[in-house]
Amino acid sequence: MGKLFFRFRGLLLAPYGLLLLILGKPSFLSFALGLSLALLGESLRLWGVGYAGKSTRKSVLDAPKLVTSGPYALIRHPLYIGNSFMGLGGAIMASGHQSALIQSLFFLAFLFFYGVVYGVIIPLEEQFLEKQFGIPYLEYKKKVPQLIPTGKSYPVSDHFFSWSVAFNSETHTLIPFAILVAVLGLKIR
């Protein structure tokens, strides 16, 4: 089941995005606040993908190298945190002129979709990385928190950031994100 979730992780989150698009009634303030958080999430994703490379877009688990630089020096799953900021930002953007009930639905849907998808994917990914890299990954895992940074950084490694890799790899995330922003932006009242 985990491999299936990993393969279709984007599609599994699509119903959440559709919920926001269909029921969203943003205000200028909710849109601005949510967009700020979502842009922070996309920035974190760009930073992470710029180090990790194109293997982050594959439909099967793949890691040609153990990346411990950039955001990976602070947390083990920066792309998933970035996605979560984007998803929560979307809920905030869409909630402005909605009833408290629908706003609650947005946030519960966020918790459900992101909790289930990443609750399945993260352990699968960590098992794969343990098998792929062995002791180096276990040492990294001991020193770097899974999702919430502690302020300590993993020692510098020889991985480098690439803007071209970041932008080329992120088109699959940037396009749906731009559509969500554009549609919700047009719905502001």
N, C-alpha and C. Protein backbone atom coordinates (compact mmCIF):
# COMPACT_ATOMS: atom_id res chain seq x y z
N MET A 1 0.83 -1.19 0.00
CA MET A 1 0.00 0.00 0.00
C MET A 1 0.87 1.26 0.00
N GLY A 2 1.98 1.23 0.76
CA GLY A 2 2.85 2.40 0.84
C GLY A 2 3.42 2.79 -0.51
N LYS A 3 3.83 1.78 -1.30
CA LYS A 3 4.38 2.07 -2.62
C LYS A 3 3.32 2.68 -3.53
N LEU A 4 2.09 2.22 -3.39
CA LEU A 4 0.98 2.78 -4.16
C LEU A 4 0.74 4.24 -3.76
N PHE A 5 0.74 4.50 -2.47
CA PHE A 5 0.59 5.88 -1.98
C PHE A 5 1.72 6.75 -2.52
N PHE A 6 2.94 6.23 -2.49
CA PHE A 6 4.08 7.01 -2.97
C PHE A 6 3.91 7.32 -4.46
N ARG A 7 3.55 6.31 -5.21
CA ARG A 7 3.42 6.49 -6.65
C ARG A 7 2.36 7.54 -7.02
N PHE A 8 1.24 7.53 -6.29
CA PHE A 8 0.13 8.42 -6.63
C PHE A 8 -0.04 9.54 -5.61
N ARG A 9 1.05 9.93 -4.94
CA ARG A 9 0.94 10.92 -3.86
C ARG A 9 0.32 12.24 -4.31
N GLY A 10 0.63 12.69 -5.50
CA GLY A 10 0.03 13.92 -6.00
C GLY A 10 -1.45 13.78 -6.26
N LEU A 11 -1.83 12.68 -6.86
CA LEU A 11 -3.25 12.44 -7.14
C LEU A 11 -4.06 12.25 -5.87
N LEU A 12 -3.44 11.67 -4.85
CA LEU A 12 -4.15 11.45 -3.59
C LEU A 12 -4.48 12.77 -2.89
N LEU A 13 -3.69 13.81 -3.16
CA LEU A 13 -3.95 15.12 -2.57
C LEU A 13 -4.86 15.98 -3.44
N ALA A 14 -5.09 15.56 -4.68
CA ALA A 14 -5.92 16.34 -5.62
C ALA A 14 -7.34 16.60 -5.12
N PRO A 15 -8.02 15.63 -4.48
CA PRO A 15 -9.38 15.94 -4.00
C PRO A 15 -9.40 17.10 -2.99
N TYR A 16 -8.35 17.20 -2.21
CA TYR A 16 -8.26 18.32 -1.26
C TYR A 16 -8.19 19.65 -2.02
N GLY A 17 -7.36 19.70 -3.06
CA GLY A 17 -7.26 20.91 -3.87
C GLY A 17 -8.58 21.25 -4.55
N LEU A 18 -9.27 20.24 -5.04
CA LEU A 18 -10.58 20.46 -5.68
C LEU A 18 -11.60 20.99 -4.67
N LEU A 19 -11.57 20.47 -3.46
CA LEU A 19 -12.45 20.96 -2.40
C LEU A 19 -12.24 22.46 -2.18
N LEU A 20 -10.99 22.88 -2.13
CA LEU A 20 -10.68 24.30 -1.93
C LEU A 20 -11.13 25.14 -3.12
N LEU A 21 -10.91 24.62 -4.32
CA LEU A 21 -11.31 25.35 -5.52
C LEU A 21 -12.82 25.51 -5.61
N ILE A 22 -13.54 24.45 -5.30
CA ILE A 22 -15.00 24.47 -5.45
C ILE A 22 -15.68 25.28 -4.35
N LEU A 23 -15.27 25.05 -3.10
CA LEU A 23 -15.95 25.70 -1.98
C LEU A 23 -15.28 26.98 -1.49
N GLY A 24 -14.12 27.28 -2.03
CA GLY A 24 -13.38 28.44 -1.56
C GLY A 24 -14.09 29.77 -1.80
N LYS A 25 -14.09 30.60 -0.77
CA LYS A 25 -14.63 31.96 -0.86
C LYS A 25 -13.62 32.89 -0.17
N PRO A 26 -12.51 33.16 -0.85
CA PRO A 26 -11.46 33.93 -0.20
C PRO A 26 -11.81 35.40 -0.01
N SER A 27 -11.29 35.96 1.06
CA SER A 27 -11.28 37.41 1.25
C SER A 27 -9.88 37.87 0.86
N PHE A 28 -9.70 39.15 0.73
CA PHE A 28 -8.36 39.64 0.41
C PHE A 28 -7.38 39.24 1.50
N LEU A 29 -7.79 39.37 2.76
CA LEU A 29 -6.91 39.05 3.88
C LEU A 29 -6.58 37.55 3.93
N SER A 30 -7.61 36.69 3.80
CA SER A 30 -7.34 35.24 3.85
C SER A 30 -6.45 34.83 2.69
N PHE A 31 -6.68 35.43 1.53
CA PHE A 31 -5.87 35.11 0.36
C PHE A 31 -4.42 35.51 0.59
N ALA A 32 -4.21 36.72 1.09
CA ALA A 32 -2.84 37.21 1.31
C ALA A 32 -2.12 36.38 2.37
N LEU A 33 -2.80 36.06 3.47
CA LEU A 33 -2.17 35.27 4.53
C LEU A 33 -1.86 33.86 4.05
N GLY A 34 -2.84 33.23 3.42
CA GLY A 34 -2.64 31.88 2.92
C GLY A 34 -1.58 31.80 1.84
N LEU A 35 -1.58 32.78 0.95
CA LEU A 35 -0.58 32.80 -0.11
C LEU A 35 0.82 32.95 0.47
N SER A 36 0.96 33.76 1.51
CA SER A 36 2.27 33.93 2.15
C SER A 36 2.79 32.60 2.68
N LEU A 37 1.93 31.85 3.36
CA LEU A 37 2.33 30.55 3.90
C LEU A 37 2.62 29.57 2.76
N ALA A 38 1.78 29.57 1.74
CA ALA A 38 1.98 28.67 0.61
C ALA A 38 3.28 28.98 -0.13
N LEU A 39 3.59 30.26 -0.29
CA LEU A 39 4.85 30.64 -0.95
C LEU A 39 6.06 30.24 -0.11
N LEU A 40 5.92 30.31 1.20
CA LEU A 40 6.99 29.82 2.08
C LEU A 40 7.19 28.32 1.83
N GLY A 41 6.08 27.59 1.73
CA GLY A 41 6.16 26.16 1.44
C GLY A 41 6.81 25.86 0.10
N GLU A 42 6.42 26.61 -0.92
CA GLU A 42 7.02 26.40 -2.24
C GLU A 42 8.50 26.77 -2.24
N SER A 43 8.87 27.79 -1.48
CA SER A 43 10.28 28.16 -1.37
C SER A 43 11.08 27.04 -0.72
N LEU A 44 10.51 26.44 0.32
CA LEU A 44 11.17 25.31 0.97
C LEU A 44 11.32 24.14 0.00
N ARG A 45 10.28 23.90 -0.80
CA ARG A 45 10.36 22.84 -1.81
C ARG A 45 11.45 23.13 -2.83
N LEU A 46 11.49 24.35 -3.34
CA LEU A 46 12.52 24.71 -4.32
C LEU A 46 13.92 24.52 -3.74
N TRP A 47 14.09 24.95 -2.51
CA TRP A 47 15.38 24.80 -1.83
C TRP A 47 15.75 23.32 -1.73
N GLY A 48 14.80 22.49 -1.32
CA GLY A 48 15.07 21.06 -1.18
C GLY A 48 15.33 20.37 -2.50
N VAL A 49 14.50 20.65 -3.50
CA VAL A 49 14.66 20.02 -4.80
C VAL A 49 15.95 20.48 -5.46
N GLY A 50 16.37 21.71 -5.21
CA GLY A 50 17.63 22.21 -5.74
C GLY A 50 18.82 21.42 -5.25
N TYR A 51 18.69 20.78 -4.12
CA TYR A 51 19.74 19.90 -3.58
C TYR A 51 19.50 18.45 -3.95
N ALA A 52 18.27 17.98 -3.84
CA ALA A 52 17.97 16.55 -4.03
C ALA A 52 17.88 16.15 -5.49
N GLY A 53 17.46 17.07 -6.34
CA GLY A 53 17.40 16.77 -7.76
C GLY A 53 16.11 16.12 -8.23
N LYS A 54 16.16 15.63 -9.44
CA LYS A 54 14.98 15.11 -10.14
C LYS A 54 14.43 13.82 -9.55
N SER A 55 15.21 13.13 -8.76
CA SER A 55 14.72 11.86 -8.20
C SER A 55 13.51 12.08 -7.29
N THR A 56 13.30 13.32 -6.84
CA THR A 56 12.15 13.62 -5.99
C THR A 56 10.83 13.57 -6.77
N ARG A 57 10.88 13.59 -8.07
CA ARG A 57 9.67 13.59 -8.90
C ARG A 57 9.29 12.20 -9.41
N LYS A 58 10.09 11.21 -9.12
CA LYS A 58 9.81 9.87 -9.65
C LYS A 58 8.62 9.23 -8.96
N SER A 59 8.01 8.28 -9.66
CA SER A 59 6.85 7.59 -9.10
C SER A 59 7.25 6.36 -8.28
N VAL A 60 8.53 6.05 -8.28
CA VAL A 60 9.06 4.97 -7.44
C VAL A 60 10.16 5.56 -6.56
N LEU A 61 10.36 4.93 -5.41
CA LEU A 61 11.41 5.41 -4.52
C LEU A 61 12.76 5.28 -5.20
N ASP A 62 13.53 6.36 -5.15
CA ASP A 62 14.86 6.38 -5.77
C ASP A 62 15.69 7.43 -5.05
N ALA A 63 16.91 7.09 -4.77
CA ALA A 63 17.83 8.03 -4.14
C ALA A 63 19.24 7.66 -4.56
N PRO A 64 19.73 8.29 -5.62
CA PRO A 64 21.08 7.96 -6.07
C PRO A 64 22.16 8.41 -5.08
N LYS A 65 21.81 9.34 -4.19
CA LYS A 65 22.77 9.83 -3.20
C LYS A 65 22.00 10.22 -1.94
N LEU A 66 22.69 10.18 -0.82
CA LEU A 66 22.11 10.63 0.44
C LEU A 66 22.36 12.13 0.55
N VAL A 67 21.30 12.91 0.47
CA VAL A 67 21.42 14.37 0.50
C VAL A 67 21.27 14.85 1.94
N THR A 68 22.28 15.56 2.41
CA THR A 68 22.28 16.06 3.79
C THR A 68 22.59 17.55 3.85
N SER A 69 22.50 18.23 2.72
CA SER A 69 22.78 19.66 2.64
C SER A 69 21.51 20.46 2.50
N GLY A 70 21.63 21.78 2.57
CA GLY A 70 20.48 22.66 2.41
C GLY A 70 19.46 22.38 3.49
N PRO A 71 18.18 22.29 3.14
CA PRO A 71 17.16 22.05 4.16
C PRO A 71 17.28 20.66 4.78
N TYR A 72 17.91 19.73 4.05
CA TYR A 72 18.10 18.37 4.57
C TYR A 72 19.09 18.33 5.73
N ALA A 73 19.83 19.40 5.93
CA ALA A 73 20.72 19.50 7.09
C ALA A 73 19.93 19.86 8.35
N LEU A 74 18.69 20.33 8.15
CA LEU A 74 17.85 20.78 9.28
C LEU A 74 16.72 19.81 9.60
N ILE A 75 16.10 19.23 8.56
CA ILE A 75 15.02 18.25 8.73
C ILE A 75 15.14 17.20 7.63
N ARG A 76 14.64 16.00 7.92
CA ARG A 76 14.78 14.90 6.96
C ARG A 76 13.77 14.96 5.81
N HIS A 77 12.66 15.67 5.99
CA HIS A 77 11.61 15.67 4.96
C HIS A 77 11.15 17.09 4.62
N PRO A 78 12.06 17.93 4.12
CA PRO A 78 11.66 19.32 3.83
C PRO A 78 10.61 19.45 2.74
N LEU A 79 10.60 18.53 1.78
CA LEU A 79 9.59 18.65 0.72
C LEU A 79 8.20 18.41 1.26
N TYR A 80 8.06 17.50 2.19
CA TYR A 80 6.74 17.23 2.77
C TYR A 80 6.29 18.36 3.69
N ILE A 81 7.23 18.97 4.37
CA ILE A 81 6.88 20.15 5.18
C ILE A 81 6.47 21.29 4.24
N GLY A 82 7.22 21.47 3.15
CA GLY A 82 6.85 22.48 2.17
C GLY A 82 5.47 22.23 1.60
N ASN A 83 5.17 20.99 1.26
CA ASN A 83 3.83 20.64 0.76
C ASN A 83 2.76 20.94 1.79
N SER A 84 3.06 20.64 3.04
CA SER A 84 2.09 20.89 4.11
C SER A 84 1.84 22.38 4.29
N PHE A 85 2.87 23.19 4.21
CA PHE A 85 2.68 24.65 4.26
C PHE A 85 1.82 25.11 3.10
N MET A 86 2.05 24.53 1.92
CA MET A 86 1.25 24.89 0.75
C MET A 86 -0.21 24.48 0.94
N GLY A 87 -0.42 23.27 1.46
CA GLY A 87 -1.79 22.79 1.68
C GLY A 87 -2.52 23.60 2.73
N LEU A 88 -1.85 23.91 3.84
CA LEU A 88 -2.46 24.73 4.88
C LEU A 88 -2.69 26.16 4.36
N GLY A 89 -1.74 26.66 3.60
CA GLY A 89 -1.91 27.98 2.99
C GLY A 89 -3.12 28.02 2.07
N GLY A 90 -3.34 26.94 1.33
CA GLY A 90 -4.52 26.85 0.48
C GLY A 90 -5.81 26.92 1.28
N ALA A 91 -5.84 26.22 2.41
CA ALA A 91 -7.03 26.25 3.28
C ALA A 91 -7.28 27.65 3.79
N ILE A 92 -6.22 28.34 4.18
CA ILE A 92 -6.36 29.71 4.67
C ILE A 92 -6.83 30.62 3.55
N MET A 93 -6.23 30.48 2.36
CA MET A 93 -6.65 31.31 1.21
C MET A 93 -8.14 31.15 0.94
N ALA A 94 -8.62 29.92 0.94
CA ALA A 94 -9.99 29.62 0.54
C ALA A 94 -11.03 29.96 1.60
N SER A 95 -10.63 30.17 2.84
CA SER A 95 -11.58 30.20 3.95
C SER A 95 -12.17 31.57 4.28
N GLY A 96 -11.70 32.63 3.69
CA GLY A 96 -12.06 33.99 4.08
C GLY A 96 -13.52 34.29 4.34
N HIS A 97 -14.38 34.05 3.36
CA HIS A 97 -15.80 34.37 3.50
C HIS A 97 -16.66 33.12 3.64
N GLN A 98 -16.06 32.05 4.09
CA GLN A 98 -16.81 30.81 4.29
C GLN A 98 -17.32 30.74 5.73
N SER A 99 -18.34 29.94 5.94
CA SER A 99 -18.88 29.73 7.28
C SER A 99 -17.83 29.01 8.13
N ALA A 100 -18.01 29.09 9.44
CA ALA A 100 -17.10 28.40 10.35
C ALA A 100 -17.12 26.89 10.10
N LEU A 101 -18.26 26.36 9.72
CA LEU A 101 -18.38 24.93 9.43
C LEU A 101 -17.51 24.54 8.24
N ILE A 102 -17.59 25.30 7.16
CA ILE A 102 -16.80 25.00 5.95
C ILE A 102 -15.32 25.26 6.22
N GLN A 103 -15.00 26.31 6.97
CA GLN A 103 -13.60 26.55 7.34
C GLN A 103 -13.06 25.35 8.11
N SER A 104 -13.85 24.83 9.03
CA SER A 104 -13.44 23.64 9.78
C SER A 104 -13.25 22.45 8.86
N LEU A 105 -14.15 22.31 7.88
CA LEU A 105 -14.03 21.24 6.90
C LEU A 105 -12.71 21.34 6.15
N PHE A 106 -12.33 22.56 5.74
CA PHE A 106 -11.06 22.76 5.03
C PHE A 106 -9.89 22.27 5.89
N PHE A 107 -9.87 22.64 7.15
CA PHE A 107 -8.75 22.30 8.01
C PHE A 107 -8.76 20.81 8.38
N LEU A 108 -9.93 20.24 8.56
CA LEU A 108 -10.02 18.79 8.82
C LEU A 108 -9.60 18.00 7.58
N ALA A 109 -10.00 18.47 6.42
CA ALA A 109 -9.60 17.81 5.17
C ALA A 109 -8.09 17.89 5.00
N PHE A 110 -7.51 19.05 5.33
CA PHE A 110 -6.06 19.19 5.27
C PHE A 110 -5.40 18.17 6.18
N LEU A 111 -5.83 18.10 7.43
CA LEU A 111 -5.24 17.15 8.39
C LEU A 111 -5.41 15.72 7.91
N PHE A 112 -6.59 15.39 7.40
CA PHE A 112 -6.85 14.03 6.93
C PHE A 112 -5.96 13.68 5.74
N PHE A 113 -6.05 14.46 4.66
CA PHE A 113 -5.32 14.11 3.44
C PHE A 113 -3.82 14.11 3.66
N TYR A 114 -3.29 15.16 4.25
CA TYR A 114 -1.85 15.24 4.43
C TYR A 114 -1.38 14.25 5.50
N GLY A 115 -2.17 14.07 6.54
CA GLY A 115 -1.81 13.11 7.58
C GLY A 115 -1.75 11.68 7.06
N VAL A 116 -2.76 11.29 6.29
CA VAL A 116 -2.80 9.93 5.76
C VAL A 116 -1.68 9.71 4.74
N VAL A 117 -1.58 10.61 3.77
CA VAL A 117 -0.59 10.43 2.71
C VAL A 117 0.83 10.41 3.29
N TYR A 118 1.18 11.40 4.07
CA TYR A 118 2.55 11.45 4.58
C TYR A 118 2.77 10.49 5.75
N GLY A 119 1.70 10.14 6.44
CA GLY A 119 1.81 9.13 7.49
C GLY A 119 2.17 7.76 6.93
N VAL A 120 1.81 7.51 5.69
CA VAL A 120 2.16 6.26 5.01
C VAL A 120 3.51 6.39 4.30
N ILE A 121 3.72 7.51 3.63
CA ILE A 121 4.90 7.67 2.78
C ILE A 121 6.20 7.83 3.59
N ILE A 122 6.18 8.61 4.64
CA ILE A 122 7.42 8.89 5.38
C ILE A 122 8.06 7.62 5.93
N PRO A 123 7.33 6.74 6.62
CA PRO A 123 7.98 5.51 7.09
C PRO A 123 8.52 4.64 5.94
N LEU A 124 7.77 4.57 4.84
CA LEU A 124 8.22 3.81 3.68
C LEU A 124 9.53 4.38 3.14
N GLU A 125 9.57 5.69 3.01
CA GLU A 125 10.77 6.35 2.49
C GLU A 125 11.96 6.14 3.42
N GLU A 126 11.72 6.23 4.72
CA GLU A 126 12.83 6.05 5.67
C GLU A 126 13.34 4.62 5.66
N GLN A 127 12.47 3.64 5.51
CA GLN A 127 12.91 2.24 5.40
C GLN A 127 13.75 2.05 4.14
N PHE A 128 13.32 2.66 3.04
CA PHE A 128 14.07 2.58 1.79
C PHE A 128 15.46 3.19 1.96
N LEU A 129 15.54 4.37 2.58
CA LEU A 129 16.83 5.04 2.75
C LEU A 129 17.75 4.26 3.69
N GLU A 130 17.19 3.64 4.71
CA GLU A 130 17.99 2.79 5.60
C GLU A 130 18.60 1.63 4.82
N LYS A 131 17.80 1.02 3.98
CA LYS A 131 18.27 -0.11 3.17
C LYS A 131 19.29 0.36 2.13
N GLN A 132 19.02 1.50 1.52
CA GLN A 132 19.87 2.02 0.44
C GLN A 132 21.24 2.50 0.95
N PHE A 133 21.25 3.19 2.09
CA PHE A 133 22.49 3.83 2.55
C PHE A 133 23.05 3.28 3.85
N GLY A 134 22.28 2.47 4.56
CA GLY A 134 22.78 1.82 5.77
C GLY A 134 23.23 2.77 6.86
N ILE A 135 24.43 2.55 7.37
CA ILE A 135 24.95 3.29 8.52
C ILE A 135 24.99 4.80 8.28
N PRO A 136 25.43 5.29 7.12
CA PRO A 136 25.40 6.76 6.93
C PRO A 136 24.01 7.36 7.13
N TYR A 137 22.97 6.66 6.64
CA TYR A 137 21.62 7.18 6.84
C TYR A 137 21.22 7.10 8.31
N LEU A 138 21.56 6.01 8.98
CA LEU A 138 21.21 5.86 10.39
C LEU A 138 21.88 6.94 11.24
N GLU A 139 23.12 7.30 10.90
CA GLU A 139 23.82 8.39 11.61
C GLU A 139 23.11 9.73 11.35
N TYR A 140 22.76 9.95 10.10
CA TYR A 140 22.03 11.17 9.72
C TYR A 140 20.69 11.22 10.45
N LYS A 141 19.99 10.09 10.48
CA LYS A 141 18.68 10.00 11.12
C LYS A 141 18.76 10.31 12.62
N LYS A 142 19.85 9.90 13.26
CA LYS A 142 20.04 10.18 14.69
C LYS A 142 20.22 11.67 14.97
N LYS A 143 20.82 12.38 14.03
CA LYS A 143 21.21 13.77 14.26
C LYS A 143 20.23 14.80 13.70
N VAL A 144 19.38 14.39 12.75
CA VAL A 144 18.49 15.35 12.08
C VAL A 144 17.04 14.95 12.34
N PRO A 145 16.24 15.87 12.88
CA PRO A 145 14.84 15.54 13.17
C PRO A 145 14.04 15.29 11.89
N GLN A 146 12.98 14.53 12.06
CA GLN A 146 12.15 14.14 10.92
C GLN A 146 11.45 15.34 10.28
N LEU A 147 10.73 16.14 11.08
CA LEU A 147 9.87 17.18 10.49
C LEU A 147 10.02 18.56 11.12
N ILE A 148 10.44 18.65 12.36
CA ILE A 148 10.50 19.95 13.05
C ILE A 148 11.95 20.26 13.38
N PRO A 149 12.51 21.33 12.80
CA PRO A 149 13.92 21.64 13.06
C PRO A 149 14.17 22.01 14.52
N THR A 150 15.35 21.66 14.99
CA THR A 150 15.74 21.98 16.36
C THR A 150 16.70 23.15 16.41
N GLY A 151 17.15 23.61 15.27
CA GLY A 151 18.12 24.70 15.22
C GLY A 151 19.53 24.20 15.00
N LYS A 152 19.75 22.91 15.24
CA LYS A 152 21.06 22.32 14.97
C LYS A 152 21.11 21.91 13.51
N SER A 153 22.30 21.97 12.95
CA SER A 153 22.46 21.64 11.54
C SER A 153 23.41 20.46 11.39
N TYR A 154 23.11 19.61 10.43
CA TYR A 154 23.98 18.48 10.12
C TYR A 154 25.27 19.02 9.51
N PRO A 155 26.39 18.36 9.74
CA PRO A 155 27.65 18.85 9.16
C PRO A 155 27.55 19.02 7.64
N VAL A 156 28.23 19.99 7.14
CA VAL A 156 28.21 20.32 5.71
C VAL A 156 28.69 19.12 4.89
N SER A 157 27.99 18.88 3.80
CA SER A 157 28.39 17.81 2.88
C SER A 157 28.74 18.43 1.53
N ASP A 158 29.04 17.60 0.59
CA ASP A 158 29.50 18.10 -0.72
C ASP A 158 28.38 18.23 -1.75
N HIS A 159 27.13 18.31 -1.32
CA HIS A 159 26.04 18.50 -2.26
C HIS A 159 25.85 20.00 -2.53
N PHE A 160 25.47 20.32 -3.77
CA PHE A 160 25.32 21.71 -4.15
C PHE A 160 23.92 21.99 -4.66
N PHE A 161 23.52 23.23 -4.52
CA PHE A 161 22.21 23.68 -4.96
C PHE A 161 22.26 24.05 -6.43
N SER A 162 21.19 23.72 -7.17
CA SER A 162 21.08 24.08 -8.58
C SER A 162 19.70 24.68 -8.85
N TRP A 163 19.68 25.94 -9.27
CA TRP A 163 18.41 26.59 -9.62
C TRP A 163 17.74 25.90 -10.80
N SER A 164 18.53 25.52 -11.80
CA SER A 164 17.92 24.90 -12.99
C SER A 164 17.26 23.57 -12.62
N VAL A 165 17.91 22.78 -11.78
CA VAL A 165 17.31 21.52 -11.34
C VAL A 165 16.05 21.80 -10.53
N ALA A 166 16.12 22.80 -9.66
CA ALA A 166 14.96 23.14 -8.82
C ALA A 166 13.76 23.52 -9.68
N PHE A 167 13.92 24.42 -10.61
CA PHE A 167 12.79 24.87 -11.42
C PHE A 167 12.32 23.80 -12.40
N ASN A 168 13.26 23.09 -13.01
CA ASN A 168 12.85 22.03 -13.95
C ASN A 168 12.10 20.92 -13.25
N SER A 169 12.49 20.61 -12.03
CA SER A 169 11.84 19.53 -11.29
C SER A 169 10.52 19.97 -10.65
N GLU A 170 10.35 21.23 -10.45
CA GLU A 170 9.18 21.72 -9.73
C GLU A 170 7.99 22.07 -10.60
N THR A 171 8.09 21.92 -11.90
CA THR A 171 6.95 22.30 -12.76
C THR A 171 5.69 21.53 -12.39
N HIS A 172 5.83 20.27 -11.96
CA HIS A 172 4.65 19.47 -11.59
C HIS A 172 3.98 20.00 -10.33
N THR A 173 4.69 20.74 -9.53
CA THR A 173 4.10 21.35 -8.34
C THR A 173 3.68 22.79 -8.63
N LEU A 174 4.49 23.51 -9.39
CA LEU A 174 4.20 24.92 -9.66
C LEU A 174 2.92 25.11 -10.48
N ILE A 175 2.65 24.24 -11.42
CA ILE A 175 1.47 24.41 -12.28
C ILE A 175 0.17 24.28 -11.49
N PRO A 176 -0.04 23.19 -10.72
CA PRO A 176 -1.28 23.13 -9.94
C PRO A 176 -1.36 24.23 -8.88
N PHE A 177 -0.21 24.59 -8.32
CA PHE A 177 -0.18 25.68 -7.35
C PHE A 177 -0.62 26.99 -8.00
N ALA A 178 -0.12 27.28 -9.19
CA ALA A 178 -0.50 28.51 -9.91
C ALA A 178 -1.99 28.50 -10.25
N ILE A 179 -2.51 27.34 -10.62
CA ILE A 179 -3.95 27.24 -10.93
C ILE A 179 -4.78 27.54 -9.68
N LEU A 180 -4.40 26.93 -8.55
CA LEU A 180 -5.11 27.18 -7.29
C LEU A 180 -5.08 28.66 -6.94
N VAL A 181 -3.91 29.27 -7.03
CA VAL A 181 -3.78 30.69 -6.71
C VAL A 181 -4.61 31.55 -7.64
N ALA A 182 -4.54 31.25 -8.95
CA ALA A 182 -5.29 32.04 -9.93
C ALA A 182 -6.80 31.93 -9.72
N VAL A 183 -7.31 30.71 -9.55
CA VAL A 183 -8.75 30.52 -9.37
C VAL A 183 -9.22 31.19 -8.08
N LEU A 184 -8.50 30.94 -6.97
CA LEU A 184 -8.90 31.58 -5.71
C LEU A 184 -8.76 33.10 -5.78
N GLY A 185 -7.73 33.55 -6.50
CA GLY A 185 -7.57 35.00 -6.67
C GLY A 185 -8.73 35.64 -7.41
N LEU A 186 -9.25 34.92 -8.40
CA LEU A 186 -10.40 35.42 -9.16
C LEU A 186 -11.68 35.40 -8.32
N LYS A 187 -11.71 34.58 -7.28
CA LYS A 187 -12.90 34.46 -6.45
C LYS A 187 -12.92 35.44 -5.27
N ILE A 188 -11.86 36.25 -5.12
CA ILE A 188 -11.82 37.20 -4.00
C ILE A 188 -12.98 38.17 -4.12
N ARG A 189 -13.63 38.41 -2.98
CA ARG A 189 -14.68 39.45 -2.97
C ARG A 189 -14.47 40.36 -1.81
